[in-house]
Amino acid sequence: MKARAKKIFRGELLTEVLKQVDGEPMPFERQVVALYAALNGYMDDIPHASVKRFEAEFLDYLDKRHEKLVETIQSSKELSADSEAALKSAIDEFKAIFYEIMESTQNFKIEA
């Protein structure tokens, strides 16, 4: 993907991630992890039509499987090096699960 096209794609992706339901602002710690995943390329291969589903299911996954990580970000109001390492690992774990589910239901095609 050329540099300009990649910037446009990333901008569209971030627009999707930043959308919130009116009257229901997303808590800080959830914004941090969602934006981290988007800004660091973890969502680049997710089709735009699936971005909100990925985000919602990822946040739910973190709440259930990595509650301490979310609580640490919430209480410290920062993303420490240890939290960042844990977040990277959690994203990789979740993406493997997400791909498996989406591919098995044939509702998903990984973009190159």
N, C-alpha and C. Protein backbone atom coordinates (compact mmCIF):
# COMPACT_ATOMS: atom_id res chain seq x y z
N MET A 1 0.86 -1.17 0.00
CA MET A 1 0.00 0.00 0.00
C MET A 1 0.91 1.23 0.00
N LYS A 2 0.63 2.15 -0.90
CA LYS A 2 1.44 3.37 -0.97
C LYS A 2 1.21 4.23 0.26
N ALA A 3 2.19 5.11 0.52
CA ALA A 3 2.16 5.92 1.75
C ALA A 3 0.89 6.76 1.85
N ARG A 4 0.50 7.40 0.75
CA ARG A 4 -0.69 8.26 0.79
C ARG A 4 -1.94 7.44 1.04
N ALA A 5 -2.05 6.31 0.35
CA ALA A 5 -3.22 5.44 0.53
C ALA A 5 -3.27 4.91 1.96
N LYS A 6 -2.10 4.60 2.51
CA LYS A 6 -2.04 4.09 3.88
C LYS A 6 -2.50 5.15 4.87
N LYS A 7 -2.12 6.41 4.65
CA LYS A 7 -2.56 7.50 5.53
C LYS A 7 -4.07 7.68 5.46
N ILE A 8 -4.61 7.61 4.26
CA ILE A 8 -6.06 7.75 4.09
C ILE A 8 -6.77 6.60 4.80
N PHE A 9 -6.27 5.39 4.58
CA PHE A 9 -6.85 4.21 5.21
C PHE A 9 -6.82 4.34 6.73
N ARG A 10 -5.67 4.74 7.27
CA ARG A 10 -5.54 4.88 8.73
C ARG A 10 -6.48 5.95 9.25
N GLY A 11 -6.64 7.05 8.52
CA GLY A 11 -7.57 8.10 8.92
C GLY A 11 -9.01 7.60 8.98
N GLU A 12 -9.39 6.81 7.99
CA GLU A 12 -10.74 6.24 7.98
C GLU A 12 -10.92 5.28 9.15
N LEU A 13 -9.89 4.50 9.41
CA LEU A 13 -9.93 3.56 10.53
C LEU A 13 -10.09 4.30 11.86
N LEU A 14 -9.29 5.33 12.04
CA LEU A 14 -9.38 6.11 13.29
C LEU A 14 -10.74 6.78 13.44
N THR A 15 -11.31 7.22 12.33
CA THR A 15 -12.65 7.81 12.37
C THR A 15 -13.66 6.80 12.91
N GLU A 16 -13.55 5.56 12.47
CA GLU A 16 -14.45 4.52 12.96
C GLU A 16 -14.23 4.25 14.45
N VAL A 17 -12.98 4.18 14.85
CA VAL A 17 -12.66 3.89 16.25
C VAL A 17 -13.14 5.02 17.17
N LEU A 18 -13.04 6.24 16.70
CA LEU A 18 -13.42 7.40 17.53
C LEU A 18 -14.93 7.61 17.65
N LYS A 19 -15.70 6.97 16.80
CA LYS A 19 -17.16 7.13 16.88
C LYS A 19 -17.67 6.54 18.19
N GLN A 20 -18.54 7.29 18.85
CA GLN A 20 -19.15 6.84 20.10
C GLN A 20 -20.65 7.06 20.03
N VAL A 21 -21.38 6.30 20.82
CA VAL A 21 -22.82 6.43 20.90
C VAL A 21 -23.14 7.74 21.61
N ASP A 22 -24.07 8.51 21.06
CA ASP A 22 -24.46 9.77 21.70
C ASP A 22 -24.92 9.53 23.13
N GLY A 23 -24.41 10.34 24.03
CA GLY A 23 -24.80 10.27 25.43
C GLY A 23 -24.12 9.14 26.20
N GLU A 24 -23.24 8.39 25.56
CA GLU A 24 -22.55 7.29 26.22
C GLU A 24 -21.04 7.40 25.96
N PRO A 25 -20.40 8.36 26.59
CA PRO A 25 -18.95 8.51 26.35
C PRO A 25 -18.19 7.28 26.84
N MET A 26 -17.17 6.92 26.06
CA MET A 26 -16.35 5.76 26.40
C MET A 26 -15.37 6.15 27.50
N PRO A 27 -15.23 5.32 28.54
CA PRO A 27 -14.27 5.61 29.59
C PRO A 27 -12.84 5.73 29.04
N PHE A 28 -12.05 6.54 29.72
CA PHE A 28 -10.67 6.83 29.32
C PHE A 28 -9.87 5.57 28.99
N GLU A 29 -9.87 4.61 29.89
CA GLU A 29 -9.04 3.42 29.71
C GLU A 29 -9.43 2.60 28.49
N ARG A 30 -10.72 2.62 28.16
CA ARG A 30 -11.19 1.90 26.96
C ARG A 30 -10.77 2.66 25.69
N GLN A 31 -10.81 3.99 25.76
CA GLN A 31 -10.33 4.78 24.63
C GLN A 31 -8.85 4.53 24.39
N VAL A 32 -8.08 4.48 25.48
CA VAL A 32 -6.64 4.27 25.37
C VAL A 32 -6.33 2.96 24.64
N VAL A 33 -6.95 1.87 25.05
CA VAL A 33 -6.62 0.59 24.44
C VAL A 33 -7.13 0.49 23.00
N ALA A 34 -8.29 1.06 22.72
CA ALA A 34 -8.81 1.03 21.35
C ALA A 34 -7.94 1.88 20.43
N LEU A 35 -7.59 3.06 20.86
CA LEU A 35 -6.74 3.92 20.04
C LEU A 35 -5.33 3.36 19.90
N TYR A 36 -4.83 2.74 20.93
CA TYR A 36 -3.51 2.12 20.84
C TYR A 36 -3.51 1.06 19.73
N ALA A 37 -4.53 0.22 19.73
CA ALA A 37 -4.61 -0.83 18.71
C ALA A 37 -4.70 -0.23 17.31
N ALA A 38 -5.48 0.81 17.16
CA ALA A 38 -5.65 1.44 15.84
C ALA A 38 -4.39 2.18 15.41
N LEU A 39 -3.82 2.97 16.28
CA LEU A 39 -2.66 3.79 15.94
C LEU A 39 -1.39 2.97 15.68
N ASN A 40 -1.32 1.79 16.25
CA ASN A 40 -0.12 0.97 16.11
C ASN A 40 -0.27 -0.15 15.09
N GLY A 41 -1.27 -0.03 14.24
CA GLY A 41 -1.41 -0.94 13.10
C GLY A 41 -2.08 -2.26 13.37
N TYR A 42 -2.55 -2.49 14.58
CA TYR A 42 -3.17 -3.77 14.90
C TYR A 42 -4.53 -3.96 14.21
N MET A 43 -5.14 -2.89 13.75
CA MET A 43 -6.42 -2.99 13.07
C MET A 43 -6.32 -2.77 11.57
N ASP A 44 -5.12 -2.61 11.06
CA ASP A 44 -4.95 -2.29 9.65
C ASP A 44 -5.51 -3.36 8.72
N ASP A 45 -5.55 -4.60 9.15
CA ASP A 45 -6.05 -5.67 8.30
C ASP A 45 -7.51 -6.03 8.59
N ILE A 46 -8.15 -5.23 9.41
CA ILE A 46 -9.58 -5.45 9.71
C ILE A 46 -10.40 -4.65 8.70
N PRO A 47 -11.32 -5.29 7.97
CA PRO A 47 -12.16 -4.53 7.04
C PRO A 47 -12.94 -3.44 7.79
N HIS A 48 -13.09 -2.29 7.17
CA HIS A 48 -13.77 -1.17 7.84
C HIS A 48 -15.15 -1.57 8.34
N ALA A 49 -15.83 -2.41 7.61
CA ALA A 49 -17.17 -2.83 8.03
C ALA A 49 -17.14 -3.65 9.32
N SER A 50 -15.97 -4.18 9.68
CA SER A 50 -15.84 -5.01 10.88
C SER A 50 -15.12 -4.31 12.03
N VAL A 51 -14.71 -3.06 11.84
CA VAL A 51 -13.92 -2.35 12.85
C VAL A 51 -14.68 -2.19 14.16
N LYS A 52 -15.91 -1.76 14.12
CA LYS A 52 -16.66 -1.55 15.36
C LYS A 52 -16.91 -2.88 16.08
N ARG A 53 -17.16 -3.94 15.31
CA ARG A 53 -17.32 -5.26 15.93
C ARG A 53 -16.02 -5.68 16.59
N PHE A 54 -14.90 -5.52 15.88
CA PHE A 54 -13.60 -5.86 16.45
C PHE A 54 -13.37 -5.08 17.74
N GLU A 55 -13.60 -3.78 17.68
CA GLU A 55 -13.38 -2.93 18.86
C GLU A 55 -14.25 -3.38 20.04
N ALA A 56 -15.53 -3.58 19.79
CA ALA A 56 -16.44 -3.97 20.87
C ALA A 56 -16.06 -5.31 21.48
N GLU A 57 -15.74 -6.27 20.62
CA GLU A 57 -15.39 -7.59 21.13
C GLU A 57 -14.03 -7.59 21.81
N PHE A 58 -13.10 -6.76 21.32
CA PHE A 58 -11.80 -6.63 21.95
C PHE A 58 -11.94 -6.04 23.35
N LEU A 59 -12.73 -4.99 23.48
CA LEU A 59 -12.94 -4.37 24.79
C LEU A 59 -13.61 -5.35 25.75
N ASP A 60 -14.55 -6.13 25.25
CA ASP A 60 -15.21 -7.15 26.08
C ASP A 60 -14.20 -8.21 26.50
N TYR A 61 -13.33 -8.62 25.57
CA TYR A 61 -12.28 -9.59 25.86
C TYR A 61 -11.35 -9.08 26.96
N LEU A 62 -10.95 -7.82 26.85
CA LEU A 62 -10.09 -7.23 27.88
C LEU A 62 -10.78 -7.22 29.24
N ASP A 63 -12.05 -6.85 29.25
CA ASP A 63 -12.80 -6.81 30.51
C ASP A 63 -12.87 -8.19 31.17
N LYS A 64 -12.95 -9.23 30.35
CA LYS A 64 -13.11 -10.58 30.89
C LYS A 64 -11.79 -11.29 31.16
N ARG A 65 -10.80 -11.07 30.31
CA ARG A 65 -9.55 -11.83 30.41
C ARG A 65 -8.36 -11.03 30.92
N HIS A 66 -8.45 -9.72 30.84
CA HIS A 66 -7.33 -8.86 31.25
C HIS A 66 -7.83 -7.69 32.09
N GLU A 67 -8.68 -8.02 33.04
CA GLU A 67 -9.30 -7.01 33.89
C GLU A 67 -8.26 -6.18 34.64
N LYS A 68 -7.21 -6.83 35.11
CA LYS A 68 -6.17 -6.12 35.86
C LYS A 68 -5.47 -5.07 34.99
N LEU A 69 -5.23 -5.39 33.73
CA LEU A 69 -4.61 -4.44 32.81
C LEU A 69 -5.48 -3.19 32.67
N VAL A 70 -6.76 -3.39 32.44
CA VAL A 70 -7.69 -2.27 32.29
C VAL A 70 -7.74 -1.45 33.58
N GLU A 71 -7.79 -2.11 34.71
CA GLU A 71 -7.82 -1.41 36.00
C GLU A 71 -6.54 -0.61 36.23
N THR A 72 -5.40 -1.17 35.83
CA THR A 72 -4.13 -0.47 35.99
C THR A 72 -4.10 0.81 35.17
N ILE A 73 -4.55 0.72 33.94
CA ILE A 73 -4.59 1.91 33.07
C ILE A 73 -5.55 2.94 33.66
N GLN A 74 -6.69 2.47 34.14
CA GLN A 74 -7.69 3.36 34.73
C GLN A 74 -7.14 4.08 35.96
N SER A 75 -6.50 3.35 36.84
CA SER A 75 -6.04 3.96 38.09
C SER A 75 -4.79 4.83 37.91
N SER A 76 -3.90 4.43 37.01
CA SER A 76 -2.66 5.19 36.83
C SER A 76 -2.82 6.34 35.84
N LYS A 77 -3.84 6.25 35.01
CA LYS A 77 -4.08 7.26 33.96
C LYS A 77 -2.91 7.35 32.97
N GLU A 78 -2.19 6.24 32.81
CA GLU A 78 -1.09 6.20 31.85
C GLU A 78 -0.91 4.78 31.34
N LEU A 79 -0.14 4.68 30.27
CA LEU A 79 0.20 3.38 29.70
C LEU A 79 1.69 3.16 29.93
N SER A 80 2.00 2.49 31.04
CA SER A 80 3.40 2.22 31.40
C SER A 80 3.98 1.19 30.43
N ALA A 81 5.28 1.01 30.49
CA ALA A 81 5.95 0.02 29.64
C ALA A 81 5.41 -1.38 29.91
N ASP A 82 5.18 -1.72 31.18
CA ASP A 82 4.63 -3.03 31.51
C ASP A 82 3.21 -3.19 30.99
N SER A 83 2.40 -2.15 31.13
CA SER A 83 1.03 -2.20 30.63
C SER A 83 1.01 -2.30 29.11
N GLU A 84 1.93 -1.58 28.47
CA GLU A 84 2.00 -1.63 27.01
C GLU A 84 2.36 -3.04 26.53
N ALA A 85 3.31 -3.66 27.19
CA ALA A 85 3.69 -5.03 26.82
C ALA A 85 2.51 -5.99 27.01
N ALA A 86 1.80 -5.84 28.11
CA ALA A 86 0.62 -6.68 28.37
C ALA A 86 -0.47 -6.42 27.34
N LEU A 87 -0.63 -5.16 26.96
CA LEU A 87 -1.64 -4.81 25.97
C LEU A 87 -1.30 -5.41 24.60
N LYS A 88 -0.05 -5.31 24.20
CA LYS A 88 0.38 -5.91 22.92
C LYS A 88 0.07 -7.40 22.91
N SER A 89 0.38 -8.07 23.98
CA SER A 89 0.12 -9.50 24.09
C SER A 89 -1.38 -9.79 24.01
N ALA A 90 -2.17 -8.99 24.72
CA ALA A 90 -3.63 -9.19 24.72
C ALA A 90 -4.21 -8.95 23.32
N ILE A 91 -3.71 -7.95 22.61
CA ILE A 91 -4.19 -7.69 21.26
C ILE A 91 -3.88 -8.87 20.36
N ASP A 92 -2.66 -9.37 20.43
CA ASP A 92 -2.28 -10.53 19.59
C ASP A 92 -3.15 -11.74 19.91
N GLU A 93 -3.39 -12.01 21.20
CA GLU A 93 -4.25 -13.12 21.61
C GLU A 93 -5.65 -12.95 21.02
N PHE A 94 -6.19 -11.74 21.18
CA PHE A 94 -7.56 -11.51 20.72
C PHE A 94 -7.67 -11.60 19.20
N LYS A 95 -6.70 -11.05 18.49
CA LYS A 95 -6.77 -11.10 17.02
C LYS A 95 -6.81 -12.54 16.53
N ALA A 96 -6.04 -13.42 17.13
CA ALA A 96 -6.06 -14.82 16.73
C ALA A 96 -7.46 -15.42 16.90
N ILE A 97 -8.09 -15.12 18.03
CA ILE A 97 -9.45 -15.60 18.29
C ILE A 97 -10.43 -14.97 17.31
N PHE A 98 -10.33 -13.66 17.12
CA PHE A 98 -11.24 -12.94 16.24
C PHE A 98 -11.16 -13.48 14.81
N TYR A 99 -9.95 -13.66 14.30
CA TYR A 99 -9.77 -14.19 12.94
C TYR A 99 -10.38 -15.58 12.81
N GLU A 100 -10.14 -16.41 13.81
CA GLU A 100 -10.66 -17.77 13.76
C GLU A 100 -12.19 -17.79 13.70
N ILE A 101 -12.81 -16.97 14.53
CA ILE A 101 -14.28 -16.91 14.54
C ILE A 101 -14.81 -16.36 13.23
N MET A 102 -14.24 -15.26 12.78
CA MET A 102 -14.74 -14.62 11.57
C MET A 102 -14.52 -15.50 10.33
N GLU A 103 -13.36 -16.13 10.25
CA GLU A 103 -13.09 -16.99 9.10
C GLU A 103 -13.96 -18.24 9.11
N SER A 104 -14.25 -18.77 10.29
CA SER A 104 -15.07 -19.97 10.38
C SER A 104 -16.52 -19.69 10.01
N THR A 105 -16.96 -18.46 10.19
CA THR A 105 -18.33 -18.11 9.81
C THR A 105 -18.39 -17.52 8.41
N GLN A 106 -17.23 -17.44 7.75
CA GLN A 106 -17.09 -16.92 6.39
C GLN A 106 -17.63 -15.51 6.25
N ASN A 107 -17.56 -14.73 7.32
CA ASN A 107 -17.98 -13.33 7.29
C ASN A 107 -16.80 -12.39 7.26
N PHE A 108 -15.62 -12.92 7.00
CA PHE A 108 -14.45 -12.11 7.20
C PHE A 108 -13.37 -12.51 6.21
N LYS A 109 -12.71 -11.53 5.67
CA LYS A 109 -11.58 -11.77 4.79
C LYS A 109 -10.46 -10.85 5.25
N ILE A 110 -9.33 -11.42 5.60
CA ILE A 110 -8.21 -10.63 6.07
C ILE A 110 -7.67 -9.82 4.89
N GLU A 111 -7.55 -8.51 5.08
CA GLU A 111 -7.04 -7.65 4.02
C GLU A 111 -5.53 -7.69 4.02
N ALA A 112 -4.98 -7.60 2.83
CA ALA A 112 -3.50 -7.61 2.69
C ALA A 112 -2.92 -6.25 2.92
